[in-house]
Amino acid sequence: FIDYFGVSPNRLFQYETSKYLDKYNPQEAACDGPIMSVGVAKRDYVTLIKALAVLPECEAELYISSKFGDTLQKEARIPLPSGVKIMGWVSDEELLHRYHRARFVAVPLEETTHSGAGINAVLEASALGKAVIATNTGGMPTFVKDGETGILVPPNDVEAWTDAIRLLWTQPELAHQMGQAGRCYVQRRFSPAEVGPKINALLDN
């Protein structure tokens, strides 16, 4: 919009918000639980599972299901490493509990230009103080600041996923630091208190 159409930057804002900002628990921000991955839209769980197969010390829970269906579970039924579990659908309340105990959150995506793919999972994780590893597709660089709030990896790159997971798994203090930076970033850019007035002003105008 800025470069092609010449729209003034002060007319543009992100409209996404995170519903979990008020559910943050400092005592659960740093956790030694499993890696968590959640969602179905544009997901590439096969690449994630292949990366985890190289890291037998890592435990992960993959929530490849939603109230809209669980067709991805069949696609991801490749041989699973011993520490990886494919989980069934859980309620929003239980999902929040699982986020709290996660070590960090992985969002593997297919190569796509879809700017919204995976952002709900990223915003939820960041709001709860969890570092995020995500595939660098679509609009993901807007939501994960590479090296600051998490790690972005190229599409279909098993080696890059392996390196990123190993880094955060073996350096929990780094994962905690990125999680805290992610929460601050979401508060600053994607909180309802920040976004709501901008939408109201746009409609009033």
N, C-alpha and C. Protein backbone atom coordinates (compact mmCIF):
# COMPACT_ATOMS: atom_id res chain seq x y z
N PHE A 1 0.83 -1.21 0.00
CA PHE A 1 0.00 0.00 0.00
C PHE A 1 0.87 1.26 0.00
N ILE A 2 1.93 1.23 0.77
CA ILE A 2 2.80 2.41 0.84
C ILE A 2 3.60 2.58 -0.45
N ASP A 3 4.25 1.50 -0.87
CA ASP A 3 5.15 1.58 -2.02
C ASP A 3 4.41 1.65 -3.35
N TYR A 4 3.37 0.83 -3.50
CA TYR A 4 2.71 0.72 -4.80
C TYR A 4 1.63 1.78 -4.99
N PHE A 5 0.82 1.99 -3.95
CA PHE A 5 -0.30 2.92 -4.07
C PHE A 5 -0.01 4.31 -3.50
N GLY A 6 1.11 4.43 -2.78
CA GLY A 6 1.44 5.73 -2.22
C GLY A 6 0.61 6.14 -1.03
N VAL A 7 0.06 5.16 -0.29
CA VAL A 7 -0.75 5.45 0.88
C VAL A 7 0.15 5.92 2.02
N SER A 8 -0.27 6.92 2.74
CA SER A 8 0.50 7.42 3.87
C SER A 8 0.56 6.37 4.98
N PRO A 9 1.74 6.12 5.55
CA PRO A 9 1.87 5.11 6.60
C PRO A 9 0.96 5.35 7.80
N ASN A 10 0.64 6.61 8.10
CA ASN A 10 -0.19 6.86 9.28
C ASN A 10 -1.65 6.49 9.07
N ARG A 11 -1.99 6.07 7.85
CA ARG A 11 -3.35 5.60 7.59
C ARG A 11 -3.47 4.09 7.73
N LEU A 12 -2.37 3.41 7.95
CA LEU A 12 -2.37 1.96 7.98
C LEU A 12 -2.15 1.44 9.39
N PHE A 13 -2.83 0.34 9.73
CA PHE A 13 -2.60 -0.31 11.02
C PHE A 13 -3.02 -1.77 10.93
N GLN A 14 -2.44 -2.59 11.80
CA GLN A 14 -2.81 -3.99 11.88
C GLN A 14 -4.13 -4.11 12.64
N TYR A 15 -5.04 -4.92 12.15
CA TYR A 15 -6.33 -5.06 12.83
C TYR A 15 -6.43 -6.33 13.66
N GLU A 16 -5.42 -7.22 13.58
CA GLU A 16 -5.47 -8.44 14.37
C GLU A 16 -5.22 -8.14 15.85
N THR A 17 -5.85 -8.92 16.71
CA THR A 17 -5.60 -8.81 18.15
C THR A 17 -5.44 -10.19 18.74
N SER A 18 -4.90 -10.26 19.95
CA SER A 18 -4.73 -11.53 20.64
C SER A 18 -5.69 -11.63 21.80
N LYS A 19 -6.38 -12.75 21.87
CA LYS A 19 -7.39 -12.94 22.92
C LYS A 19 -6.78 -13.38 24.25
N TYR A 20 -5.48 -13.71 24.27
CA TYR A 20 -4.89 -14.29 25.47
C TYR A 20 -4.04 -13.31 26.28
N LEU A 21 -4.02 -12.05 25.93
CA LEU A 21 -3.16 -11.11 26.64
C LEU A 21 -3.46 -11.05 28.13
N ASP A 22 -4.73 -11.20 28.50
CA ASP A 22 -5.10 -11.12 29.92
C ASP A 22 -5.01 -12.48 30.61
N LYS A 23 -4.52 -13.50 29.90
CA LYS A 23 -4.39 -14.84 30.49
C LYS A 23 -2.94 -15.17 30.83
N TYR A 24 -2.08 -14.19 30.70
CA TYR A 24 -0.65 -14.41 30.93
C TYR A 24 -0.39 -14.73 32.39
N ASN A 25 0.47 -15.71 32.62
CA ASN A 25 0.87 -16.10 33.98
C ASN A 25 2.39 -16.11 34.03
N PRO A 26 3.00 -15.12 34.70
CA PRO A 26 4.47 -15.04 34.73
C PRO A 26 5.14 -16.31 35.22
N GLN A 27 4.50 -17.02 36.14
CA GLN A 27 5.10 -18.23 36.69
C GLN A 27 5.14 -19.36 35.67
N GLU A 28 4.33 -19.27 34.63
CA GLU A 28 4.29 -20.32 33.62
C GLU A 28 4.93 -19.88 32.30
N ALA A 29 5.53 -18.70 32.28
CA ALA A 29 6.14 -18.20 31.05
C ALA A 29 7.37 -19.02 30.68
N ALA A 30 8.16 -19.40 31.66
CA ALA A 30 9.31 -20.28 31.43
C ALA A 30 8.93 -21.67 31.90
N CYS A 31 8.90 -22.62 30.98
CA CYS A 31 8.41 -23.96 31.32
C CYS A 31 9.26 -25.01 30.61
N ASP A 32 9.38 -26.18 31.23
CA ASP A 32 10.16 -27.26 30.63
C ASP A 32 9.26 -28.34 30.06
N GLY A 33 8.05 -27.96 29.67
CA GLY A 33 7.11 -28.90 29.07
C GLY A 33 7.46 -29.22 27.64
N PRO A 34 6.54 -29.83 26.90
CA PRO A 34 6.82 -30.20 25.51
C PRO A 34 6.72 -29.00 24.57
N ILE A 35 7.27 -29.17 23.39
CA ILE A 35 7.03 -28.22 22.31
C ILE A 35 5.57 -28.38 21.91
N MET A 36 4.92 -27.30 21.56
CA MET A 36 3.51 -27.34 21.19
C MET A 36 3.33 -26.81 19.77
N SER A 37 2.49 -27.48 19.00
CA SER A 37 2.12 -26.98 17.68
C SER A 37 0.62 -27.16 17.52
N VAL A 38 -0.05 -26.13 16.97
CA VAL A 38 -1.50 -26.15 16.93
C VAL A 38 -1.99 -25.53 15.64
N GLY A 39 -3.13 -26.03 15.14
CA GLY A 39 -3.76 -25.43 13.97
C GLY A 39 -3.83 -26.36 12.77
N VAL A 40 -4.65 -25.98 11.80
CA VAL A 40 -4.83 -26.80 10.61
C VAL A 40 -4.62 -26.05 9.30
N ALA A 41 -4.86 -24.75 9.26
CA ALA A 41 -4.81 -24.01 8.01
C ALA A 41 -3.38 -23.87 7.49
N LYS A 42 -3.15 -24.34 6.25
CA LYS A 42 -1.86 -24.20 5.56
C LYS A 42 -0.69 -24.81 6.35
N ARG A 43 -0.95 -25.81 7.17
CA ARG A 43 0.11 -26.37 8.00
C ARG A 43 0.95 -27.41 7.24
N ASP A 44 2.22 -27.50 7.65
CA ASP A 44 3.16 -28.47 7.09
C ASP A 44 3.76 -29.28 8.24
N TYR A 45 2.95 -30.17 8.79
CA TYR A 45 3.40 -30.96 9.92
C TYR A 45 4.42 -32.01 9.53
N VAL A 46 4.43 -32.42 8.27
CA VAL A 46 5.38 -33.44 7.83
C VAL A 46 6.81 -32.94 8.01
N THR A 47 7.08 -31.71 7.60
CA THR A 47 8.42 -31.14 7.76
C THR A 47 8.79 -31.05 9.24
N LEU A 48 7.86 -30.63 10.07
CA LEU A 48 8.12 -30.54 11.51
C LEU A 48 8.44 -31.90 12.10
N ILE A 49 7.67 -32.90 11.73
CA ILE A 49 7.88 -34.25 12.27
C ILE A 49 9.24 -34.80 11.83
N LYS A 50 9.61 -34.54 10.59
CA LYS A 50 10.92 -34.99 10.11
C LYS A 50 12.05 -34.34 10.90
N ALA A 51 11.89 -33.07 11.23
CA ALA A 51 12.91 -32.38 12.03
C ALA A 51 12.97 -32.97 13.44
N LEU A 52 11.83 -33.24 14.02
CA LEU A 52 11.80 -33.80 15.38
C LEU A 52 12.38 -35.21 15.42
N ALA A 53 12.32 -35.92 14.29
CA ALA A 53 12.87 -37.28 14.24
C ALA A 53 14.38 -37.26 14.44
N VAL A 54 15.02 -36.14 14.13
CA VAL A 54 16.47 -36.01 14.30
C VAL A 54 16.82 -35.61 15.73
N LEU A 55 15.80 -35.27 16.51
CA LEU A 55 16.01 -34.77 17.87
C LEU A 55 15.25 -35.64 18.87
N PRO A 56 15.72 -36.85 19.11
CA PRO A 56 14.98 -37.77 19.99
C PRO A 56 14.81 -37.27 21.41
N GLU A 57 15.63 -36.30 21.82
CA GLU A 57 15.51 -35.78 23.18
C GLU A 57 14.34 -34.82 23.34
N CYS A 58 13.77 -34.37 22.22
CA CYS A 58 12.69 -33.37 22.27
C CYS A 58 11.32 -34.05 22.33
N GLU A 59 10.46 -33.51 23.16
CA GLU A 59 9.08 -33.96 23.23
C GLU A 59 8.18 -32.89 22.62
N ALA A 60 7.15 -33.34 21.90
CA ALA A 60 6.25 -32.38 21.24
C ALA A 60 4.83 -32.92 21.20
N GLU A 61 3.89 -32.01 21.30
CA GLU A 61 2.47 -32.33 21.16
C GLU A 61 1.91 -31.53 19.99
N LEU A 62 1.33 -32.25 19.02
CA LEU A 62 0.80 -31.62 17.82
C LEU A 62 -0.72 -31.68 17.86
N TYR A 63 -1.33 -30.50 17.91
CA TYR A 63 -2.78 -30.41 17.97
C TYR A 63 -3.31 -30.21 16.56
N ILE A 64 -3.32 -31.32 15.81
CA ILE A 64 -3.69 -31.28 14.39
C ILE A 64 -5.19 -31.53 14.28
N SER A 65 -5.95 -30.70 14.91
CA SER A 65 -7.39 -30.89 14.91
C SER A 65 -8.04 -29.58 15.30
N SER A 66 -9.29 -29.42 14.90
CA SER A 66 -10.05 -28.24 15.30
C SER A 66 -11.52 -28.58 15.20
N LYS A 67 -12.36 -27.65 15.63
CA LYS A 67 -13.80 -27.86 15.53
C LYS A 67 -14.26 -27.87 14.09
N PHE A 68 -13.36 -27.48 13.16
CA PHE A 68 -13.71 -27.47 11.74
C PHE A 68 -13.31 -28.76 11.04
N GLY A 69 -12.63 -29.66 11.75
CA GLY A 69 -12.26 -30.92 11.14
C GLY A 69 -10.84 -31.31 11.48
N ASP A 70 -10.47 -32.55 11.12
CA ASP A 70 -9.14 -33.03 11.46
C ASP A 70 -8.51 -33.79 10.29
N THR A 71 -8.76 -33.33 9.06
CA THR A 71 -8.24 -34.03 7.89
C THR A 71 -6.72 -34.07 7.86
N LEU A 72 -6.06 -33.12 8.48
CA LEU A 72 -4.60 -33.10 8.47
C LEU A 72 -4.00 -34.26 9.25
N GLN A 73 -4.75 -34.82 10.17
CA GLN A 73 -4.20 -35.93 10.95
C GLN A 73 -3.81 -37.09 10.05
N LYS A 74 -4.59 -37.35 9.01
CA LYS A 74 -4.27 -38.45 8.09
C LYS A 74 -3.00 -38.16 7.32
N GLU A 75 -2.84 -36.90 6.89
CA GLU A 75 -1.66 -36.53 6.12
C GLU A 75 -0.39 -36.63 6.94
N ALA A 76 -0.49 -36.37 8.23
CA ALA A 76 0.69 -36.36 9.10
C ALA A 76 0.98 -37.71 9.73
N ARG A 77 0.29 -38.75 9.30
CA ARG A 77 0.48 -40.07 9.89
C ARG A 77 1.71 -40.77 9.31
N ILE A 78 2.82 -40.07 9.24
CA ILE A 78 4.08 -40.70 8.91
C ILE A 78 4.62 -41.26 10.22
N PRO A 79 5.63 -42.15 10.14
CA PRO A 79 6.16 -42.71 11.40
C PRO A 79 6.57 -41.60 12.37
N LEU A 80 6.04 -41.68 13.57
CA LEU A 80 6.28 -40.63 14.56
C LEU A 80 7.46 -40.97 15.46
N PRO A 81 8.32 -39.98 15.73
CA PRO A 81 9.36 -40.20 16.75
C PRO A 81 8.72 -40.50 18.09
N SER A 82 9.45 -41.15 18.96
CA SER A 82 8.87 -41.60 20.23
C SER A 82 8.38 -40.44 21.10
N GLY A 83 9.00 -39.27 20.98
CA GLY A 83 8.62 -38.15 21.81
C GLY A 83 7.54 -37.26 21.24
N VAL A 84 6.99 -37.64 20.09
CA VAL A 84 5.98 -36.80 19.41
C VAL A 84 4.61 -37.45 19.52
N LYS A 85 3.63 -36.67 19.94
CA LYS A 85 2.26 -37.17 20.07
C LYS A 85 1.32 -36.29 19.25
N ILE A 86 0.42 -36.93 18.52
CA ILE A 86 -0.64 -36.20 17.83
C ILE A 86 -1.86 -36.21 18.74
N MET A 87 -2.30 -35.03 19.12
CA MET A 87 -3.36 -34.88 20.11
C MET A 87 -4.71 -34.67 19.43
N GLY A 88 -5.76 -34.98 20.14
CA GLY A 88 -7.11 -34.74 19.66
C GLY A 88 -7.57 -33.33 19.96
N TRP A 89 -8.77 -33.02 19.53
CA TRP A 89 -9.34 -31.69 19.76
C TRP A 89 -9.54 -31.47 21.26
N VAL A 90 -9.24 -30.25 21.72
CA VAL A 90 -9.48 -29.89 23.12
C VAL A 90 -10.24 -28.57 23.15
N SER A 91 -10.88 -28.29 24.26
CA SER A 91 -11.63 -27.04 24.42
C SER A 91 -10.67 -25.86 24.49
N ASP A 92 -11.21 -24.66 24.33
CA ASP A 92 -10.38 -23.45 24.43
C ASP A 92 -9.73 -23.34 25.80
N GLU A 93 -10.47 -23.71 26.85
CA GLU A 93 -9.94 -23.64 28.21
C GLU A 93 -8.76 -24.60 28.38
N GLU A 94 -8.91 -25.81 27.85
CA GLU A 94 -7.83 -26.79 27.96
C GLU A 94 -6.66 -26.40 27.07
N LEU A 95 -6.94 -25.82 25.91
CA LEU A 95 -5.87 -25.38 25.02
C LEU A 95 -5.01 -24.32 25.71
N LEU A 96 -5.65 -23.42 26.43
CA LEU A 96 -4.91 -22.41 27.18
C LEU A 96 -3.98 -23.06 28.19
N HIS A 97 -4.47 -24.07 28.87
CA HIS A 97 -3.64 -24.81 29.84
C HIS A 97 -2.44 -25.44 29.14
N ARG A 98 -2.65 -26.01 27.95
CA ARG A 98 -1.55 -26.63 27.21
C ARG A 98 -0.52 -25.59 26.77
N TYR A 99 -0.99 -24.42 26.35
CA TYR A 99 -0.07 -23.34 26.00
C TYR A 99 0.81 -22.99 27.20
N HIS A 100 0.20 -22.87 28.37
CA HIS A 100 0.93 -22.47 29.56
C HIS A 100 2.09 -23.41 29.87
N ARG A 101 1.88 -24.69 29.66
CA ARG A 101 2.93 -25.65 30.04
C ARG A 101 3.90 -25.95 28.90
N ALA A 102 3.68 -25.33 27.73
CA ALA A 102 4.56 -25.57 26.58
C ALA A 102 5.92 -24.91 26.79
N ARG A 103 6.96 -25.53 26.27
CA ARG A 103 8.31 -24.96 26.33
C ARG A 103 8.42 -23.81 25.33
N PHE A 104 7.97 -24.04 24.10
CA PHE A 104 7.81 -23.00 23.08
C PHE A 104 6.85 -23.55 22.04
N VAL A 105 6.50 -22.73 21.05
CA VAL A 105 5.45 -23.10 20.10
C VAL A 105 6.02 -23.12 18.68
N ALA A 106 5.67 -24.15 17.93
CA ALA A 106 6.11 -24.31 16.54
C ALA A 106 4.91 -24.13 15.61
N VAL A 107 5.09 -23.33 14.56
CA VAL A 107 4.01 -23.09 13.59
C VAL A 107 4.56 -23.40 12.19
N PRO A 108 4.52 -24.68 11.78
CA PRO A 108 5.03 -25.06 10.46
C PRO A 108 3.98 -24.80 9.37
N LEU A 109 4.37 -24.13 8.31
CA LEU A 109 3.42 -23.74 7.27
C LEU A 109 3.88 -24.18 5.89
N GLU A 110 2.91 -24.45 5.03
CA GLU A 110 3.20 -24.66 3.62
C GLU A 110 3.67 -23.34 3.01
N GLU A 111 4.34 -23.43 1.88
CA GLU A 111 4.71 -22.20 1.18
C GLU A 111 3.43 -21.56 0.65
N THR A 112 3.15 -20.34 1.08
CA THR A 112 1.90 -19.68 0.73
C THR A 112 2.07 -18.17 0.79
N THR A 113 1.26 -17.47 0.01
CA THR A 113 1.23 -16.00 0.09
C THR A 113 0.12 -15.53 1.00
N HIS A 114 -0.62 -16.46 1.58
CA HIS A 114 -1.73 -16.13 2.47
C HIS A 114 -1.18 -15.39 3.69
N SER A 115 -1.51 -14.12 3.84
CA SER A 115 -0.91 -13.31 4.89
C SER A 115 -1.40 -13.68 6.28
N GLY A 116 -2.53 -14.39 6.37
CA GLY A 116 -3.09 -14.70 7.68
C GLY A 116 -2.78 -16.10 8.18
N ALA A 117 -2.10 -16.91 7.39
CA ALA A 117 -1.85 -18.30 7.78
C ALA A 117 -0.99 -18.37 9.04
N GLY A 118 -1.51 -19.03 10.06
CA GLY A 118 -0.75 -19.28 11.28
C GLY A 118 -0.72 -18.16 12.29
N ILE A 119 -1.34 -17.01 11.98
CA ILE A 119 -1.14 -15.87 12.87
C ILE A 119 -1.88 -16.03 14.20
N ASN A 120 -3.00 -16.72 14.22
CA ASN A 120 -3.69 -16.90 15.50
C ASN A 120 -2.81 -17.65 16.49
N ALA A 121 -2.19 -18.72 16.02
CA ALA A 121 -1.31 -19.50 16.90
C ALA A 121 -0.14 -18.66 17.39
N VAL A 122 0.44 -17.85 16.48
CA VAL A 122 1.57 -17.01 16.86
C VAL A 122 1.16 -15.96 17.89
N LEU A 123 0.04 -15.30 17.66
CA LEU A 123 -0.41 -14.26 18.58
C LEU A 123 -0.78 -14.85 19.94
N GLU A 124 -1.41 -16.02 19.93
CA GLU A 124 -1.76 -16.67 21.19
C GLU A 124 -0.51 -17.03 21.98
N ALA A 125 0.45 -17.65 21.29
CA ALA A 125 1.69 -18.06 21.96
C ALA A 125 2.45 -16.86 22.51
N SER A 126 2.60 -15.84 21.69
CA SER A 126 3.36 -14.65 22.11
C SER A 126 2.67 -13.94 23.28
N ALA A 127 1.36 -13.86 23.23
CA ALA A 127 0.62 -13.22 24.32
C ALA A 127 0.85 -13.92 25.65
N LEU A 128 1.14 -15.22 25.60
CA LEU A 128 1.37 -16.00 26.81
C LEU A 128 2.85 -16.12 27.14
N GLY A 129 3.68 -15.36 26.44
CA GLY A 129 5.10 -15.33 26.76
C GLY A 129 5.89 -16.52 26.25
N LYS A 130 5.43 -17.12 25.14
CA LYS A 130 6.13 -18.27 24.57
C LYS A 130 6.86 -17.87 23.28
N ALA A 131 8.11 -18.31 23.16
CA ALA A 131 8.84 -18.11 21.92
C ALA A 131 8.18 -18.91 20.80
N VAL A 132 8.35 -18.45 19.57
CA VAL A 132 7.71 -19.09 18.42
C VAL A 132 8.74 -19.40 17.35
N ILE A 133 8.68 -20.60 16.82
CA ILE A 133 9.39 -20.93 15.59
C ILE A 133 8.33 -21.08 14.52
N ALA A 134 8.46 -20.37 13.41
CA ALA A 134 7.44 -20.40 12.35
C ALA A 134 8.09 -20.39 10.98
N THR A 135 7.36 -20.92 10.02
CA THR A 135 7.81 -20.88 8.63
C THR A 135 7.66 -19.47 8.09
N ASN A 136 8.66 -19.01 7.39
CA ASN A 136 8.69 -17.64 6.87
C ASN A 136 7.89 -17.54 5.58
N THR A 137 6.57 -17.49 5.71
CA THR A 137 5.68 -17.40 4.55
C THR A 137 4.66 -16.29 4.77
N GLY A 138 4.04 -15.87 3.69
CA GLY A 138 2.95 -14.90 3.78
C GLY A 138 3.33 -13.68 4.58
N GLY A 139 2.50 -13.36 5.57
CA GLY A 139 2.74 -12.18 6.39
C GLY A 139 3.43 -12.48 7.70
N MET A 140 4.02 -13.67 7.83
CA MET A 140 4.58 -14.08 9.12
C MET A 140 5.64 -13.13 9.68
N PRO A 141 6.49 -12.49 8.87
CA PRO A 141 7.47 -11.57 9.46
C PRO A 141 6.85 -10.39 10.20
N THR A 142 5.56 -10.11 9.95
CA THR A 142 4.88 -9.07 10.70
C THR A 142 4.62 -9.51 12.14
N PHE A 143 4.49 -10.81 12.36
CA PHE A 143 4.05 -11.32 13.65
C PHE A 143 5.16 -11.98 14.45
N VAL A 144 6.18 -12.48 13.77
CA VAL A 144 7.36 -13.04 14.44
C VAL A 144 8.57 -12.23 14.00
N LYS A 145 9.21 -11.56 14.94
CA LYS A 145 10.42 -10.80 14.65
C LYS A 145 11.60 -11.74 14.80
N ASP A 146 12.18 -12.13 13.66
CA ASP A 146 13.21 -13.15 13.62
C ASP A 146 14.40 -12.78 14.50
N GLY A 147 14.76 -13.70 15.41
CA GLY A 147 15.87 -13.47 16.31
C GLY A 147 15.52 -12.64 17.53
N GLU A 148 14.30 -12.15 17.58
CA GLU A 148 13.87 -11.30 18.71
C GLU A 148 12.73 -11.94 19.48
N THR A 149 11.62 -12.24 18.81
CA THR A 149 10.48 -12.86 19.47
C THR A 149 10.38 -14.35 19.13
N GLY A 150 11.23 -14.79 18.22
CA GLY A 150 11.22 -16.17 17.78
C GLY A 150 12.17 -16.37 16.62
N ILE A 151 11.95 -17.46 15.89
CA ILE A 151 12.82 -17.81 14.77
C ILE A 151 11.97 -18.11 13.54
N LEU A 152 12.33 -17.52 12.40
CA LEU A 152 11.67 -17.81 11.13
C LEU A 152 12.56 -18.73 10.31
N VAL A 153 11.95 -19.76 9.71
CA VAL A 153 12.70 -20.71 8.89
C VAL A 153 12.09 -20.80 7.50
N PRO A 154 12.89 -21.14 6.49
CA PRO A 154 12.37 -21.24 5.12
C PRO A 154 11.36 -22.39 4.98
N PRO A 155 10.46 -22.31 4.01
CA PRO A 155 9.50 -23.39 3.78
C PRO A 155 10.21 -24.70 3.42
N ASN A 156 9.66 -25.80 3.90
CA ASN A 156 10.10 -27.15 3.55
C ASN A 156 11.55 -27.45 3.91
N ASP A 157 12.09 -26.73 4.87
CA ASP A 157 13.51 -26.87 5.21
C ASP A 157 13.66 -27.63 6.52
N VAL A 158 13.81 -28.94 6.41
CA VAL A 158 13.91 -29.79 7.60
C VAL A 158 15.14 -29.42 8.43
N GLU A 159 16.25 -29.16 7.76
CA GLU A 159 17.49 -28.83 8.49
C GLU A 159 17.34 -27.54 9.29
N ALA A 160 16.71 -26.53 8.69
CA ALA A 160 16.52 -25.27 9.39
C ALA A 160 15.60 -25.45 10.59
N TRP A 161 14.56 -26.26 10.43
CA TRP A 161 13.66 -26.54 11.55
C TRP A 161 14.43 -27.28 12.66
N THR A 162 15.25 -28.23 12.27
CA THR A 162 16.03 -28.98 13.25
C THR A 162 16.93 -28.05 14.05
N ASP A 163 17.64 -27.17 13.35
CA ASP A 163 18.56 -26.25 14.02
C ASP A 163 17.81 -25.31 14.97
N ALA A 164 16.66 -24.80 14.53
CA ALA A 164 15.90 -23.85 15.35
C ALA A 164 15.36 -24.53 16.61
N ILE A 165 14.81 -25.73 16.44
CA ILE A 165 14.28 -26.46 17.58
C ILE A 165 15.39 -26.81 18.57
N ARG A 166 16.50 -27.29 18.05
CA ARG A 166 17.63 -27.64 18.93
C ARG A 166 18.09 -26.42 19.72
N LEU A 167 18.16 -25.26 19.07
CA LEU A 167 18.62 -24.05 19.73
C LEU A 167 17.74 -23.69 20.92
N LEU A 168 16.42 -23.65 20.71
CA LEU A 168 15.53 -23.25 21.81
C LEU A 168 15.37 -24.35 22.85
N TRP A 169 15.48 -25.60 22.42
CA TRP A 169 15.36 -26.70 23.38
C TRP A 169 16.56 -26.73 24.33
N THR A 170 17.75 -26.48 23.79
CA THR A 170 18.96 -26.56 24.61
C THR A 170 19.28 -25.24 25.32
N GLN A 171 18.60 -24.16 24.93
CA GLN A 171 18.82 -22.87 25.58
C GLN A 171 17.48 -22.30 26.07
N PRO A 172 16.97 -22.87 27.16
CA PRO A 172 15.66 -22.43 27.66
C PRO A 172 15.64 -20.95 28.05
N GLU A 173 16.80 -20.43 28.48
CA GLU A 173 16.83 -19.00 28.83
C GLU A 173 16.61 -18.13 27.59
N LEU A 174 17.10 -18.57 26.44
CA LEU A 174 16.87 -17.84 25.19
C LEU A 174 15.40 -17.93 24.81
N ALA A 175 14.80 -19.12 24.95
CA ALA A 175 13.38 -19.28 24.64
C ALA A 175 12.54 -18.37 25.53
N HIS A 176 12.91 -18.29 26.81
CA HIS A 176 12.17 -17.42 27.73
C HIS A 176 12.33 -15.95 27.34
N GLN A 177 13.54 -15.57 26.99
CA GLN A 177 13.81 -14.19 26.58
C GLN A 177 13.00 -13.81 25.35
N MET A 178 12.97 -14.71 24.36
CA MET A 178 12.20 -14.44 23.15
C MET A 178 10.70 -14.40 23.46
N GLY A 179 10.25 -15.26 24.36
CA GLY A 179 8.85 -15.26 24.74
C GLY A 179 8.44 -13.95 25.38
N GLN A 180 9.30 -13.42 26.24
CA GLN A 180 9.00 -12.14 26.88
C GLN A 180 8.98 -11.00 25.86
N ALA A 181 9.92 -11.04 24.92
CA ALA A 181 9.95 -10.02 23.87
C ALA A 181 8.70 -10.13 23.00
N GLY A 182 8.25 -11.35 22.75
CA GLY A 182 7.04 -11.55 21.95
C GLY A 182 5.81 -11.00 22.64
N ARG A 183 5.73 -11.20 23.95
CA ARG A 183 4.58 -10.66 24.68
C ARG A 183 4.57 -9.14 24.63
N CYS A 184 5.73 -8.52 24.82
CA CYS A 184 5.81 -7.05 24.75
C CYS A 184 5.41 -6.56 23.35
N TYR A 185 5.85 -7.28 22.33
CA TYR A 185 5.53 -6.90 20.96
C TYR A 185 4.03 -6.98 20.69
N VAL A 186 3.41 -8.05 21.14
CA VAL A 186 1.97 -8.21 20.94
C VAL A 186 1.20 -7.15 21.73
N GLN A 187 1.62 -6.88 22.94
CA GLN A 187 0.97 -5.83 23.73
C GLN A 187 1.02 -4.48 23.01
N ARG A 188 2.17 -4.21 22.40
CA ARG A 188 2.38 -2.92 21.76
C ARG A 188 1.64 -2.80 20.44
N ARG A 189 1.56 -3.91 19.70
CA ARG A 189 1.04 -3.83 18.33
C ARG A 189 -0.36 -4.44 18.15
N PHE A 190 -0.71 -5.44 18.97
CA PHE A 190 -1.90 -6.22 18.67
C PHE A 190 -2.87 -6.36 19.84
N SER A 191 -2.78 -5.50 20.83
CA SER A 191 -3.73 -5.58 21.94
C SER A 191 -5.04 -4.91 21.53
N PRO A 192 -6.18 -5.41 22.02
CA PRO A 192 -7.47 -4.76 21.73
C PRO A 192 -7.48 -3.28 22.12
N ALA A 193 -6.76 -2.93 23.19
CA ALA A 193 -6.72 -1.54 23.62
C ALA A 193 -6.04 -0.65 22.60
N GLU A 194 -5.10 -1.22 21.82
CA GLU A 194 -4.41 -0.45 20.79
C GLU A 194 -5.19 -0.44 19.48
N VAL A 195 -5.72 -1.60 19.12
CA VAL A 195 -6.36 -1.76 17.81
C VAL A 195 -7.79 -1.20 17.80
N GLY A 196 -8.54 -1.42 18.89
CA GLY A 196 -9.94 -1.00 18.93
C GLY A 196 -10.17 0.47 18.62
N PRO A 197 -9.47 1.38 19.29
CA PRO A 197 -9.68 2.81 18.99
C PRO A 197 -9.36 3.18 17.54
N LYS A 198 -8.39 2.48 16.93
CA LYS A 198 -8.06 2.78 15.54
C LYS A 198 -9.21 2.37 14.61
N ILE A 199 -9.83 1.25 14.91
CA ILE A 199 -10.99 0.81 14.11
C ILE A 199 -12.14 1.78 14.30
N ASN A 200 -12.38 2.19 15.55
CA ASN A 200 -13.46 3.16 15.83
C ASN A 200 -13.22 4.47 15.09
N ALA A 201 -11.99 4.95 15.12
CA ALA A 201 -11.68 6.20 14.45
C ALA A 201 -11.87 6.09 12.94
N LEU A 202 -11.49 4.93 12.39
CA LEU A 202 -11.67 4.71 10.95
C LEU A 202 -13.14 4.74 10.58
N LEU A 203 -13.97 4.07 11.37
CA LEU A 203 -15.41 4.04 11.08
C LEU A 203 -16.05 5.41 11.30
N ASP A 204 -15.63 6.10 12.37
CA ASP A 204 -16.17 7.45 12.60
C ASP A 204 -15.85 8.38 11.44
N ASN A 205 -14.62 8.27 10.94
CA ASN A 205 -14.19 9.13 9.84
C ASN A 205 -14.96 8.84 8.56
